């Protein structure tokens, strides 16, 4: 990892407005097509509360519920630099301290919470 890179994990919940309306756990996109942005936000807020209160581990929720294929790695995206992720995602990640979890971040992919890991 070079000095200008960060490393992060995330949990993604897709919704009707998402760019790709399918995921590893919803290949036909049936759930995603019926999920409003508000519904996705509610779901991710509940996950965030459980993580922050210590009720659940970020990695466990990511591997079970994230709509990103990174779920298989507990949400880990590995190291990345500027210009590799969608701008709101990048800005949020660079704005976090290591170990910190973001508020809800909206991108073309859906709604995320991000944990900076490096």
PDB file of N, CA and C in Angstrom:
ATOM      1  N   UNK A   1       0.855  -1.187   0.000  1.00  0.00           N
ATOM      2  CA  UNK A   1       0.000   0.000   0.000  1.00  0.00           C
ATOM      3  C   UNK A   1       0.895   1.242   0.000  1.00  0.00           C
ATOM      4  N   UNK A   2       0.728   2.118  -0.965  1.00  0.00           N
ATOM      5  CA  UNK A   2       1.569   3.313  -0.998  1.00  0.00           C
ATOM      6  C   UNK A   2       1.005   4.369  -0.051  1.00  0.00           C
ATOM      7  N   UNK A   3       1.812   5.382   0.227  1.00  0.00           N
ATOM      8  CA  UNK A   3       1.461   6.359   1.265  1.00  0.00           C
ATOM      9  C   UNK A   3       0.204   7.173   0.944  1.00  0.00           C
ATOM     10  N   UNK A   4      -0.139   7.297  -0.342  1.00  0.00           N
ATOM     11  CA  UNK A   4      -1.342   8.084  -0.663  1.00  0.00           C
ATOM     12  C   UNK A   4      -2.581   7.199  -0.839  1.00  0.00           C
ATOM     13  N   UNK A   5      -2.463   5.924  -0.464  1.00  0.00           N
ATOM     14  CA  UNK A   5      -3.608   5.027  -0.564  1.00  0.00           C
ATOM     15  C   UNK A   5      -4.285   4.850   0.793  1.00  0.00           C
ATOM     16  N   UNK A   6      -5.538   4.454   0.740  1.00  0.00           N
ATOM     17  CA  UNK A   6      -6.279   4.093   1.948  1.00  0.00           C
ATOM     18  C   UNK A   6      -6.768   2.664   1.760  1.00  0.00           C
ATOM     19  N   UNK A   7      -7.209   2.067   2.847  1.00  0.00           N
ATOM     20  CA  UNK A   7      -7.818   0.750   2.749  1.00  0.00           C
ATOM     21  C   UNK A   7      -9.140   0.815   3.498  1.00  0.00           C
ATOM     22  N   UNK A   8     -10.160   0.179   2.940  1.00  0.00           N
ATOM     23  CA  UNK A   8     -11.478   0.261   3.566  1.00  0.00           C
ATOM     24  C   UNK A   8     -12.293  -0.990   3.305  1.00  0.00           C
ATOM     25  N   UNK A   9     -13.270  -1.172   4.182  1.00  0.00           N
ATOM     26  CA  UNK A   9     -14.302  -2.180   3.985  1.00  0.00           C
ATOM     27  C   UNK A   9     -15.623  -1.427   3.904  1.00  0.00           C
ATOM     28  N   UNK A  10     -16.615  -2.039   3.283  1.00  0.00           N
ATOM     29  CA  UNK A  10     -17.909  -1.354   3.238  1.00  0.00           C
ATOM     30  C   UNK A  10     -19.040  -2.364   3.234  1.00  0.00           C
ATOM     31  N   UNK A  11     -20.216  -1.830   3.540  1.00  0.00           N
ATOM     32  CA  UNK A  11     -21.466  -2.574   3.414  1.00  0.00           C
ATOM     33  C   UNK A  11     -22.305  -1.770   2.426  1.00  0.00           C
ATOM     34  N   UNK A  12     -22.775  -2.436   1.393  1.00  0.00           N
ATOM     35  CA  UNK A  12     -23.571  -1.783   0.347  1.00  0.00           C
ATOM     36  C   UNK A  12     -24.972  -2.371   0.346  1.00  0.00           C
ATOM     37  N   UNK A  13     -25.963  -1.494   0.349  1.00  0.00           N
ATOM     38  CA  UNK A  13     -27.340  -1.924   0.128  1.00  0.00           C
ATOM     39  C   UNK A  13     -27.811  -1.232  -1.152  1.00  0.00           C
ATOM     40  N   UNK A  14     -28.161  -2.052  -2.130  1.00  0.00           N
ATOM     41  CA  UNK A  14     -28.653  -1.510  -3.400  1.00  0.00           C
ATOM     42  C   UNK A  14     -30.150  -1.231  -3.308  1.00  0.00           C
ATOM     43  N   UNK A  15     -30.620  -0.377  -4.217  1.00  0.00           N
ATOM     44  CA  UNK A  15     -32.050  -0.020  -4.255  1.00  0.00           C
ATOM     45  C   UNK A  15     -32.451   0.263  -5.699  1.00  0.00           C
ATOM     46  N   UNK A  16     -33.706   0.648  -5.881  1.00  0.00           N
ATOM     47  CA  UNK A  16     -34.259   0.882  -7.229  1.00  0.00           C
ATOM     48  C   UNK A  16     -33.430   1.851  -8.059  1.00  0.00           C
ATOM     49  N   UNK A  17     -32.784   2.787  -7.408  1.00  0.00           N
ATOM     50  CA  UNK A  17     -31.999   3.796  -8.133  1.00  0.00           C
ATOM     51  C   UNK A  17     -30.569   3.383  -8.396  1.00  0.00           C
ATOM     52  N   UNK A  18     -30.185   2.191  -7.974  1.00  0.00           N
ATOM     53  CA  UNK A  18     -28.809   1.739  -8.148  1.00  0.00           C
ATOM     54  C   UNK A  18     -28.492   1.481  -9.615  1.00  0.00           C
ATOM     55  N   UNK A  19     -27.268   1.713  -9.958  1.00  0.00           N
ATOM     56  CA  UNK A  19     -26.795   1.547 -11.333  1.00  0.00           C
ATOM     57  C   UNK A  19     -26.976   0.107 -11.813  1.00  0.00           C
ATOM     58  N   UNK A  20     -26.539  -0.860 -11.013  1.00  0.00           N
ATOM     59  CA  UNK A  20     -26.725  -2.277 -11.365  1.00  0.00           C
ATOM     60  C   UNK A  20     -27.691  -2.894 -10.376  1.00  0.00           C
ATOM     61  N   UNK A  21     -28.835  -3.328 -10.862  1.00  0.00           N
ATOM     62  CA  UNK A  21     -29.882  -3.817  -9.959  1.00  0.00           C
ATOM     63  C   UNK A  21     -29.816  -5.329  -9.784  1.00  0.00           C
ATOM     64  N   UNK A  22     -28.630  -5.815  -9.449  1.00  0.00           N
ATOM     65  CA  UNK A  22     -28.452  -7.238  -9.163  1.00  0.00           C
ATOM     66  C   UNK A  22     -27.258  -7.364  -8.241  1.00  0.00           C
ATOM     67  N   UNK A  23     -27.196  -8.455  -7.498  1.00  0.00           N
ATOM     68  CA  UNK A  23     -26.048  -8.685  -6.635  1.00  0.00           C
ATOM     69  C   UNK A  23     -25.859 -10.180  -6.462  1.00  0.00           C
ATOM     70  N   UNK A  24     -24.788 -10.549  -5.786  1.00  0.00           N
ATOM     71  CA  UNK A  24     -24.489 -11.972  -5.579  1.00  0.00           C
ATOM     72  C   UNK A  24     -25.617 -12.674  -4.836  1.00  0.00           C
ATOM     73  N   UNK A  25     -26.330 -11.954  -3.963  1.00  0.00           N
ATOM     74  CA  UNK A  25     -27.400 -12.617  -3.215  1.00  0.00           C
ATOM     75  C   UNK A  25     -28.780 -12.372  -3.833  1.00  0.00           C
ATOM     76  N   UNK A  26     -28.826 -11.544  -4.838  1.00  0.00           N
ATOM     77  CA  UNK A  26     -30.089 -11.235  -5.509  1.00  0.00           C
ATOM     78  C   UNK A  26     -29.813 -11.138  -7.019  1.00  0.00           C
ATOM     79  N   UNK A  27     -29.405 -12.267  -7.637  1.00  0.00           N
ATOM     80  CA  UNK A  27     -28.954 -12.222  -9.039  1.00  0.00           C
ATOM     81  C   UNK A  27     -29.996 -11.698 -10.019  1.00  0.00           C
ATOM     82  N   UNK A  28     -31.260 -11.914  -9.707  1.00  0.00           N
ATOM     83  CA  UNK A  28     -32.312 -11.400 -10.606  1.00  0.00           C
ATOM     84  C   UNK A  28     -32.734  -9.977 -10.246  1.00  0.00           C
ATOM     85  N   UNK A  29     -32.267  -9.511  -9.116  1.00  0.00           N
ATOM     86  CA  UNK A  29     -32.592  -8.146  -8.696  1.00  0.00           C
ATOM     87  C   UNK A  29     -34.010  -7.978  -8.184  1.00  0.00           C
ATOM     88  N   UNK A  30     -34.653  -9.071  -7.797  1.00  0.00           N
ATOM     89  CA  UNK A  30     -36.057  -8.972  -7.352  1.00  0.00           C
ATOM     90  C   UNK A  30     -36.204  -8.128  -6.094  1.00  0.00           C
ATOM     91  N   UNK A  31     -35.305  -8.341  -5.132  1.00  0.00           N
ATOM     92  CA  UNK A  31     -35.377  -7.580  -3.875  1.00  0.00           C
ATOM     93  C   UNK A  31     -34.955  -6.137  -4.141  1.00  0.00           C
ATOM     94  N   UNK A  32     -33.865  -5.987  -4.884  1.00  0.00           N
ATOM     95  CA  UNK A  32     -33.330  -4.652  -5.161  1.00  0.00           C
ATOM     96  C   UNK A  32     -34.367  -3.786  -5.881  1.00  0.00           C
ATOM     97  N   UNK A  33     -35.050  -4.350  -6.868  1.00  0.00           N
ATOM     98  CA  UNK A  33     -36.056  -3.586  -7.623  1.00  0.00           C
ATOM     99  C   UNK A  33     -37.215  -3.112  -6.743  1.00  0.00           C
ATOM    100  N   UNK A  34     -37.426  -3.814  -5.637  1.00  0.00           N
ATOM    101  CA  UNK A  34     -38.521  -3.451  -4.727  1.00  0.00           C
ATOM    102  C   UNK A  34     -38.046  -2.703  -3.490  1.00  0.00           C
ATOM    103  N   UNK A  35     -36.761  -2.331  -3.477  1.00  0.00           N
ATOM    104  CA  UNK A  35     -36.216  -1.592  -2.336  1.00  0.00           C
ATOM    105  C   UNK A  35     -36.105  -0.123  -2.706  1.00  0.00           C
ATOM    106  N   UNK A  36     -36.771   0.733  -1.944  1.00  0.00           N
ATOM    107  CA  UNK A  36     -36.640   2.172  -2.175  1.00  0.00           C
ATOM    108  C   UNK A  36     -35.331   2.640  -1.544  1.00  0.00           C
ATOM    109  N   UNK A  37     -34.899   3.827  -1.920  1.00  0.00           N
ATOM    110  CA  UNK A  37     -33.694   4.381  -1.292  1.00  0.00           C
ATOM    111  C   UNK A  37     -33.919   4.518   0.215  1.00  0.00           C
ATOM    112  N   UNK A  38     -35.106   4.989   0.594  1.00  0.00           N
ATOM    113  CA  UNK A  38     -35.414   5.142   2.025  1.00  0.00           C
ATOM    114  C   UNK A  38     -35.342   3.805   2.759  1.00  0.00           C
ATOM    115  N   UNK A  39     -35.837   2.766   2.107  1.00  0.00           N
ATOM    116  CA  UNK A  39     -35.789   1.430   2.701  1.00  0.00           C
ATOM    117  C   UNK A  39     -34.355   0.959   2.878  1.00  0.00           C
ATOM    118  N   UNK A  40     -33.522   1.238   1.874  1.00  0.00           N
ATOM    119  CA  UNK A  40     -32.106   0.862   1.942  1.00  0.00           C
ATOM    120  C   UNK A  40     -31.410   1.629   3.068  1.00  0.00           C
ATOM    121  N   UNK A  41     -31.734   2.917   3.205  1.00  0.00           N
ATOM    122  CA  UNK A  41     -31.143   3.748   4.258  1.00  0.00           C
ATOM    123  C   UNK A  41     -31.550   3.236   5.639  1.00  0.00           C
ATOM    124  N   UNK A  42     -32.829   2.897   5.786  1.00  0.00           N
ATOM    125  CA  UNK A  42     -33.302   2.353   7.073  1.00  0.00           C
ATOM    126  C   UNK A  42     -32.534   1.101   7.456  1.00  0.00           C
ATOM    127  N   UNK A  43     -32.362   0.220   6.474  1.00  0.00           N
ATOM    128  CA  UNK A  43     -31.662  -1.047   6.710  1.00  0.00           C
ATOM    129  C   UNK A  43     -30.215  -0.787   7.127  1.00  0.00           C
ATOM    130  N   UNK A  44     -29.547   0.102   6.396  1.00  0.00           N
ATOM    131  CA  UNK A  44     -28.131   0.336   6.677  1.00  0.00           C
ATOM    132  C   UNK A  44     -27.941   1.095   7.987  1.00  0.00           C
ATOM    133  N   UNK A  45     -28.907   1.959   8.337  1.00  0.00           N
ATOM    134  CA  UNK A  45     -28.847   2.663   9.631  1.00  0.00           C
ATOM    135  C   UNK A  45     -28.926   1.657  10.776  1.00  0.00           C
ATOM    136  N   UNK A  46     -29.800   0.678  10.638  1.00  0.00           N
ATOM    137  CA  UNK A  46     -29.950  -0.352  11.669  1.00  0.00           C
ATOM    138  C   UNK A  46     -28.654  -1.156  11.802  1.00  0.00           C
ATOM    139  N   UNK A  47     -28.038  -1.499  10.670  1.00  0.00           N
ATOM    140  CA  UNK A  47     -26.757  -2.219  10.706  1.00  0.00           C
ATOM    141  C   UNK A  47     -25.703  -1.375  11.411  1.00  0.00           C
ATOM    142  N   UNK A  48     -25.656  -0.087  11.076  1.00  0.00           N
ATOM    143  CA  UNK A  48     -24.659   0.823  11.658  1.00  0.00           C
ATOM    144  C   UNK A  48     -24.851   0.912  13.175  1.00  0.00           C
ATOM    145  N   UNK A  49     -26.103   1.034  13.609  1.00  0.00           N
ATOM    146  CA  UNK A  49     -26.398   1.093  15.050  1.00  0.00           C
ATOM    147  C   UNK A  49     -25.926  -0.170  15.761  1.00  0.00           C
ATOM    148  N   UNK A  50     -26.201  -1.326  15.144  1.00  0.00           N
ATOM    149  CA  UNK A  50     -25.779  -2.608  15.741  1.00  0.00           C
ATOM    150  C   UNK A  50     -24.258  -2.698  15.843  1.00  0.00           C
ATOM    151  N   UNK A  51     -23.559  -2.202  14.842  1.00  0.00           N
ATOM    152  CA  UNK A  51     -22.094  -2.240  14.847  1.00  0.00           C
ATOM    153  C   UNK A  51     -21.555  -1.293  15.921  1.00  0.00           C
ATOM    154  N   UNK A  52     -22.072  -0.062  15.940  1.00  0.00           N
ATOM    155  CA  UNK A  52     -21.572   0.933  16.893  1.00  0.00           C
ATOM    156  C   UNK A  52     -21.890   0.557  18.335  1.00  0.00           C
ATOM    157  N   UNK A  53     -23.001  -0.132  18.550  1.00  0.00           N
ATOM    158  CA  UNK A  53     -23.364  -0.523  19.918  1.00  0.00           C
ATOM    159  C   UNK A  53     -22.653  -1.811  20.343  1.00  0.00           C
ATOM    160  N   UNK A  54     -21.942  -2.440  19.419  1.00  0.00           N
ATOM    161  CA  UNK A  54     -21.217  -3.664  19.747  1.00  0.00           C
ATOM    162  C   UNK A  54     -22.060  -4.926  19.632  1.00  0.00           C
ATOM    163  N   UNK A  55     -23.294  -4.769  19.157  1.00  0.00           N
ATOM    164  CA  UNK A  55     -24.196  -5.917  19.000  1.00  0.00           C
ATOM    165  C   UNK A  55     -23.759  -6.833  17.855  1.00  0.00           C
ATOM    166  N   UNK A  56     -23.094  -6.244  16.866  1.00  0.00           N
ATOM    167  CA  UNK A  56     -22.673  -7.015  15.691  1.00  0.00           C
ATOM    168  C   UNK A  56     -21.322  -6.515  15.208  1.00  0.00           C
ATOM    169  N   UNK A  57     -20.597  -7.385  14.510  1.00  0.00           N
ATOM    170  CA  UNK A  57     -19.299  -7.012  13.926  1.00  0.00           C
ATOM    171  C   UNK A  57     -19.516  -6.549  12.496  1.00  0.00           C
ATOM    172  N   UNK A  58     -18.802  -5.508  12.127  1.00  0.00           N
ATOM    173  CA  UNK A  58     -18.882  -4.956  10.771  1.00  0.00           C
ATOM    174  C   UNK A  58     -18.710  -6.066   9.725  1.00  0.00           C
ATOM    175  N   UNK A  59     -17.665  -6.875   9.900  1.00  0.00           N
ATOM    176  CA  UNK A  59     -17.331  -7.920   8.919  1.00  0.00           C
ATOM    177  C   UNK A  59     -18.455  -8.950   8.793  1.00  0.00           C
ATOM    178  N   UNK A  60     -19.092  -9.292   9.914  1.00  0.00           N
ATOM    179  CA  UNK A  60     -20.172 -10.285   9.885  1.00  0.00           C
ATOM    180  C   UNK A  60     -21.381  -9.761   9.116  1.00  0.00           C
ATOM    181  N   UNK A  61     -21.741  -8.517   9.383  1.00  0.00           N
ATOM    182  CA  UNK A  61     -22.879  -7.925   8.670  1.00  0.00           C
ATOM    183  C   UNK A  61     -22.545  -7.796   7.187  1.00  0.00           C
ATOM    184  N   UNK A  62     -21.325  -7.358   6.892  1.00  0.00           N
ATOM    185  CA  UNK A  62     -20.914  -7.228   5.482  1.00  0.00           C
ATOM    186  C   UNK A  62     -21.019  -8.573   4.773  1.00  0.00           C
ATOM    187  N   UNK A  63     -20.510  -9.636   5.404  1.00  0.00           N
ATOM    188  CA  UNK A  63     -20.495 -10.922   4.692  1.00  0.00           C
ATOM    189  C   UNK A  63     -21.888 -11.502   4.508  1.00  0.00           C
ATOM    190  N   UNK A  64     -22.814 -11.122   5.377  1.00  0.00           N
ATOM    191  CA  UNK A  64     -24.181 -11.643   5.243  1.00  0.00           C
ATOM    192  C   UNK A  64     -25.102 -10.755   4.422  1.00  0.00           C
ATOM    193  N   UNK A  65     -24.933  -9.455   4.521  1.00  0.00           N
ATOM    194  CA  UNK A  65     -25.952  -8.543   3.981  1.00  0.00           C
ATOM    195  C   UNK A  65     -25.511  -7.608   2.861  1.00  0.00           C
ATOM    196  N   UNK A  66     -24.197  -7.407   2.678  1.00  0.00           N
ATOM    197  CA  UNK A  66     -23.757  -6.443   1.668  1.00  0.00           C
ATOM    198  C   UNK A  66     -24.088  -6.932   0.262  1.00  0.00           C
ATOM    199  N   UNK A  67     -24.526  -6.003  -0.597  1.00  0.00           N
ATOM    200  CA  UNK A  67     -24.824  -6.318  -1.991  1.00  0.00           C
ATOM    201  C   UNK A  67     -23.584  -6.247  -2.873  1.00  0.00           C
ATOM    202  N   UNK A  68     -22.416  -6.070  -2.292  1.00  0.00           N
ATOM    203  CA  UNK A  68     -21.168  -6.030  -3.061  1.00  0.00           C
ATOM    204  C   UNK A  68     -20.481  -7.383  -2.973  1.00  0.00           C
ATOM    205  N   UNK A  69     -19.787  -7.763  -4.038  1.00  0.00           N
ATOM    206  CA  UNK A  69     -19.084  -9.052  -4.014  1.00  0.00           C
ATOM    207  C   UNK A  69     -17.970  -9.069  -2.960  1.00  0.00           C
ATOM    208  N   UNK A  70     -17.579  -7.892  -2.450  1.00  0.00           N
ATOM    209  CA  UNK A  70     -16.586  -7.832  -1.366  1.00  0.00           C
ATOM    210  C   UNK A  70     -17.125  -8.467  -0.082  1.00  0.00           C
ATOM    211  N   UNK A  71     -18.423  -8.777  -0.059  1.00  0.00           N
ATOM    212  CA  UNK A  71     -19.033  -9.446   1.099  1.00  0.00           C
ATOM    213  C   UNK A  71     -18.258 -10.718   1.447  1.00  0.00           C
ATOM    214  N   UNK A  72     -17.779 -11.401   0.425  1.00  0.00           N
ATOM    215  CA  UNK A  72     -17.024 -12.656   0.645  1.00  0.00           C
ATOM    216  C   UNK A  72     -15.759 -12.422   1.452  1.00  0.00           C
ATOM    217  N   UNK A  73     -15.291 -11.178   1.480  1.00  0.00           N
ATOM    218  CA  UNK A  73     -14.087 -10.832   2.252  1.00  0.00           C
ATOM    219  C   UNK A  73     -14.454  -9.953   3.448  1.00  0.00           C
ATOM    220  N   UNK A  74     -15.674 -10.075   3.926  1.00  0.00           N
ATOM    221  CA  UNK A  74     -16.114  -9.252   5.061  1.00  0.00           C
ATOM    222  C   UNK A  74     -16.199  -7.783   4.714  1.00  0.00           C
ATOM    223  N   UNK A  75     -16.380  -7.505   3.410  1.00  0.00           N
ATOM    224  CA  UNK A  75     -16.521  -6.117   2.958  1.00  0.00           C
ATOM    225  C   UNK A  75     -15.215  -5.456   2.557  1.00  0.00           C
ATOM    226  N   UNK A  76     -14.100  -6.169   2.699  1.00  0.00           N
ATOM    227  CA  UNK A  76     -12.788  -5.572   2.423  1.00  0.00           C
ATOM    228  C   UNK A  76     -12.610  -5.261   0.940  1.00  0.00           C
ATOM    229  N   UNK A  77     -12.274  -4.006   0.644  1.00  0.00           N
ATOM    230  CA  UNK A  77     -12.033  -3.576  -0.732  1.00  0.00           C
ATOM    231  C   UNK A  77     -10.550  -3.526  -1.057  1.00  0.00           C
ATOM    232  N   UNK A  78      -9.712  -3.737  -0.052  1.00  0.00           N
ATOM    233  CA  UNK A  78      -8.269  -3.633  -0.268  1.00  0.00           C
ATOM    234  C   UNK A  78      -7.854  -2.172  -0.383  1.00  0.00           C
ATOM    235  N   UNK A  79      -6.570  -1.930  -0.660  1.00  0.00           N
ATOM    236  CA  UNK A  79      -6.087  -0.555  -0.770  1.00  0.00           C
ATOM    237  C   UNK A  79      -6.514   0.096  -2.091  1.00  0.00           C
ATOM    238  N   UNK A  80      -6.769   1.381  -2.043  1.00  0.00           N
ATOM    239  CA  UNK A  80      -7.059   2.130  -3.270  1.00  0.00           C
ATOM    240  C   UNK A  80      -6.604   3.574  -3.111  1.00  0.00           C
ATOM    241  N   UNK A  81      -6.403   4.211  -4.247  1.00  0.00           N
ATOM    242  CA  UNK A  81      -5.957   5.598  -4.247  1.00  0.00           C
ATOM    243  C   UNK A  81      -7.035   6.519  -4.788  1.00  0.00           C
ATOM    244  N   UNK A  82      -6.703   7.778  -4.872  1.00  0.00           N
ATOM    245  CA  UNK A  82      -7.648   8.771  -5.411  1.00  0.00           C
ATOM    246  C   UNK A  82      -7.988   8.435  -6.859  1.00  0.00           C
ATOM    247  N   UNK A  83      -9.259   8.634  -7.228  1.00  0.00           N
ATOM    248  CA  UNK A  83      -9.677   8.432  -8.602  1.00  0.00           C
ATOM    249  C   UNK A  83     -10.066   6.998  -8.941  1.00  0.00           C
ATOM    250  N   UNK A  84     -10.021   6.095  -7.964  1.00  0.00           N
ATOM    251  CA  UNK A  84     -10.367   4.698  -8.246  1.00  0.00           C
ATOM    252  C   UNK A  84     -11.797   4.346  -7.844  1.00  0.00           C
ATOM    253  N   UNK A  85     -12.375   5.116  -6.956  1.00  0.00           N
ATOM    254  CA  UNK A  85     -13.738   4.866  -6.475  1.00  0.00           C
ATOM    255  C   UNK A  85     -14.623   6.043  -6.880  1.00  0.00           C
ATOM    256  N   UNK A  86     -15.937   5.854  -6.746  1.00  0.00           N
ATOM    257  CA  UNK A  86     -16.833   6.983  -6.997  1.00  0.00           C
ATOM    258  C   UNK A  86     -16.504   8.081  -5.983  1.00  0.00           C
ATOM    259  N   UNK A  87     -16.592   9.327  -6.444  1.00  0.00           N
ATOM    260  CA  UNK A  87     -16.149  10.481  -5.654  1.00  0.00           C
ATOM    261  C   UNK A  87     -16.730  10.523  -4.233  1.00  0.00           C
ATOM    262  N   UNK A  88     -18.041  10.362  -4.032  1.00  0.00           N
ATOM    263  CA  UNK A  88     -18.558  10.441  -2.660  1.00  0.00           C
ATOM    264  C   UNK A  88     -17.948   9.365  -1.753  1.00  0.00           C
ATOM    265  N   UNK A  89     -17.703   8.192  -2.323  1.00  0.00           N
ATOM    266  CA  UNK A  89     -17.119   7.082  -1.569  1.00  0.00           C
ATOM    267  C   UNK A  89     -15.678   7.409  -1.192  1.00  0.00           C
ATOM    268  N   UNK A  90     -14.943   7.905  -2.185  1.00  0.00           N
ATOM    269  CA  UNK A  90     -13.547   8.286  -1.971  1.00  0.00           C
ATOM    270  C   UNK A  90     -13.443   9.382  -0.911  1.00  0.00           C
ATOM    271  N   UNK A  91     -14.235  10.434  -1.061  1.00  0.00           N
ATOM    272  CA  UNK A  91     -14.182  11.556  -0.112  1.00  0.00           C
ATOM    273  C   UNK A  91     -14.486  11.096   1.305  1.00  0.00           C
ATOM    274  N   UNK A  92     -15.500  10.248   1.442  1.00  0.00           N
ATOM    275  CA  UNK A  92     -15.884   9.758   2.773  1.00  0.00           C
ATOM    276  C   UNK A  92     -14.750   8.938   3.382  1.00  0.00           C
ATOM    277  N   UNK A  93     -14.145   8.067   2.579  1.00  0.00           N
ATOM    278  CA  UNK A  93     -13.084   7.197   3.090  1.00  0.00           C
ATOM    279  C   UNK A  93     -11.873   8.008   3.534  1.00  0.00           C
ATOM    280  N   UNK A  94     -11.452   8.940   2.688  1.00  0.00           N
ATOM    281  CA  UNK A  94     -10.283   9.761   3.031  1.00  0.00           C
ATOM    282  C   UNK A  94     -10.565  10.653   4.248  1.00  0.00           C
ATOM    283  N   UNK A  95     -11.839  10.925   4.519  1.00  0.00           N
ATOM    284  CA  UNK A  95     -12.213  11.766   5.653  1.00  0.00           C
ATOM    285  C   UNK A  95     -12.287  11.021   6.986  1.00  0.00           C
ATOM    286  N   UNK A  96     -12.167   9.693   6.938  1.00  0.00           N
ATOM    287  CA  UNK A  96     -12.257   8.885   8.156  1.00  0.00           C
ATOM    288  C   UNK A  96     -10.879   8.634   8.749  1.00  0.00           C
ATOM    289  N   UNK A  97     -10.842   8.410  10.058  1.00  0.00           N
ATOM    290  CA  UNK A  97      -9.626   7.909  10.704  1.00  0.00           C
ATOM    291  C   UNK A  97      -9.670   6.394  10.616  1.00  0.00           C
ATOM    292  N   UNK A  98      -8.511   5.757  10.739  1.00  0.00           N
ATOM    293  CA  UNK A  98      -8.462   4.302  10.702  1.00  0.00           C
ATOM    294  C   UNK A  98      -9.311   3.751  11.862  1.00  0.00           C
ATOM    295  N   UNK A  99     -10.192   2.789  11.529  1.00  0.00           N
ATOM    296  CA  UNK A  99     -11.067   2.198  12.541  1.00  0.00           C
ATOM    297  C   UNK A  99     -12.419   2.883  12.648  1.00  0.00           C
ATOM    298  N   UNK A 100     -12.548   4.048  12.038  1.00  0.00           N
ATOM    299  CA  UNK A 100     -13.795   4.823  12.114  1.00  0.00           C
ATOM    300  C   UNK A 100     -14.794   4.344  11.063  1.00  0.00           C
ATOM    301  N   UNK A 101     -16.078   4.463  11.391  1.00  0.00           N
ATOM    302  CA  UNK A 101     -17.150   4.059  10.474  1.00  0.00           C
ATOM    303  C   UNK A 101     -17.908   5.303  10.026  1.00  0.00           C
ATOM    304  N   UNK A 102     -18.161   5.383   8.737  1.00  0.00           N
ATOM    305  CA  UNK A 102     -18.802   6.567   8.157  1.00  0.00           C
ATOM    306  C   UNK A 102     -20.291   6.624   8.484  1.00  0.00           C
ATOM    307  N   UNK A 103     -20.847   7.796   8.218  1.00  0.00           N
ATOM    308  CA  UNK A 103     -22.294   7.920   8.140  1.00  0.00           C
ATOM    309  C   UNK A 103     -22.693   7.296   6.813  1.00  0.00           C
ATOM    310  N   UNK A 104     -23.955   7.406   6.465  1.00  0.00           N
ATOM    311  CA  UNK A 104     -24.427   6.828   5.216  1.00  0.00           C
ATOM    312  C   UNK A 104     -23.860   7.614   4.036  1.00  0.00           C
ATOM    313  N   UNK A 105     -23.341   6.880   3.065  1.00  0.00           N
ATOM    314  CA  UNK A 105     -22.755   7.488   1.867  1.00  0.00           C
ATOM    315  C   UNK A 105     -23.553   6.999   0.666  1.00  0.00           C
ATOM    316  N   UNK A 106     -24.032   7.954  -0.129  1.00  0.00           N
ATOM    317  CA  UNK A 106     -24.801   7.654  -1.336  1.00  0.00           C
ATOM    318  C   UNK A 106     -23.897   7.659  -2.557  1.00  0.00           C
ATOM    319  N   UNK A 107     -23.972   6.612  -3.379  1.00  0.00           N
ATOM    320  CA  UNK A 107     -23.287   6.620  -4.677  1.00  0.00           C
ATOM    321  C   UNK A 107     -24.249   6.052  -5.717  1.00  0.00           C
ATOM    322  N   UNK A 108     -23.789   5.983  -6.966  1.00  0.00           N
ATOM    323  CA  UNK A 108     -24.600   5.387  -8.030  1.00  0.00           C
ATOM    324  C   UNK A 108     -24.855   3.905  -7.773  1.00  0.00           C
ATOM    325  N   UNK A 109     -24.040   3.293  -6.920  1.00  0.00           N
ATOM    326  CA  UNK A 109     -24.192   1.873  -6.618  1.00  0.00           C
ATOM    327  C   UNK A 109     -25.282   1.604  -5.593  1.00  0.00           C
ATOM    328  N   UNK A 110     -25.521   2.554  -4.707  1.00  0.00           N
ATOM    329  CA  UNK A 110     -26.501   2.375  -3.639  1.00  0.00           C
ATOM    330  C   UNK A 110     -26.085   3.147  -2.405  1.00  0.00           C
ATOM    331  N   UNK A 111     -26.487   2.668  -1.230  1.00  0.00           N
ATOM    332  CA  UNK A 111     -26.086   3.323   0.015  1.00  0.00           C
ATOM    333  C   UNK A 111     -25.065   2.449   0.736  1.00  0.00           C
ATOM    334  N   UNK A 112     -24.070   3.092   1.321  1.00  0.00           N
ATOM    335  CA  UNK A 112     -22.967   2.384   1.957  1.00  0.00           C
ATOM    336  C   UNK A 112     -22.738   2.904   3.370  1.00  0.00           C
ATOM    337  N   UNK A 113     -22.112   2.059   4.186  1.00  0.00           N
ATOM    338  CA  UNK A 113     -21.346   2.546   5.322  1.00  0.00           C
ATOM    339  C   UNK A 113     -19.948   2.006   5.103  1.00  0.00           C
ATOM    340  N   UNK A 114     -18.986   2.816   5.441  1.00  0.00           N
ATOM    341  CA  UNK A 114     -17.581   2.511   5.152  1.00  0.00           C
ATOM    342  C   UNK A 114     -16.793   2.473   6.458  1.00  0.00           C
ATOM    343  N   UNK A 115     -15.926   1.480   6.565  1.00  0.00           N
ATOM    344  CA  UNK A 115     -14.999   1.409   7.707  1.00  0.00           C
ATOM    345  C   UNK A 115     -13.600   1.525   7.131  1.00  0.00           C
ATOM    346  N   UNK A 116     -12.896   2.561   7.567  1.00  0.00           N
ATOM    347  CA  UNK A 116     -11.513   2.707   7.094  1.00  0.00           C
ATOM    348  C   UNK A 116     -10.626   1.769   7.896  1.00  0.00           C
ATOM    349  N   UNK A 117      -9.852   0.971   7.201  1.00  0.00           N
ATOM    350  CA  UNK A 117      -9.022  -0.031   7.876  1.00  0.00           C
ATOM    351  C   UNK A 117      -7.531   0.230   7.698  1.00  0.00           C
ATOM    352  N   UNK A 118      -7.177   1.219   6.879  1.00  0.00           N
ATOM    353  CA  UNK A 118      -5.761   1.501   6.696  1.00  0.00           C
ATOM    354  C   UNK A 118      -5.551   2.758   5.910  1.00  0.00           C
TER     355      UNK A 118
END
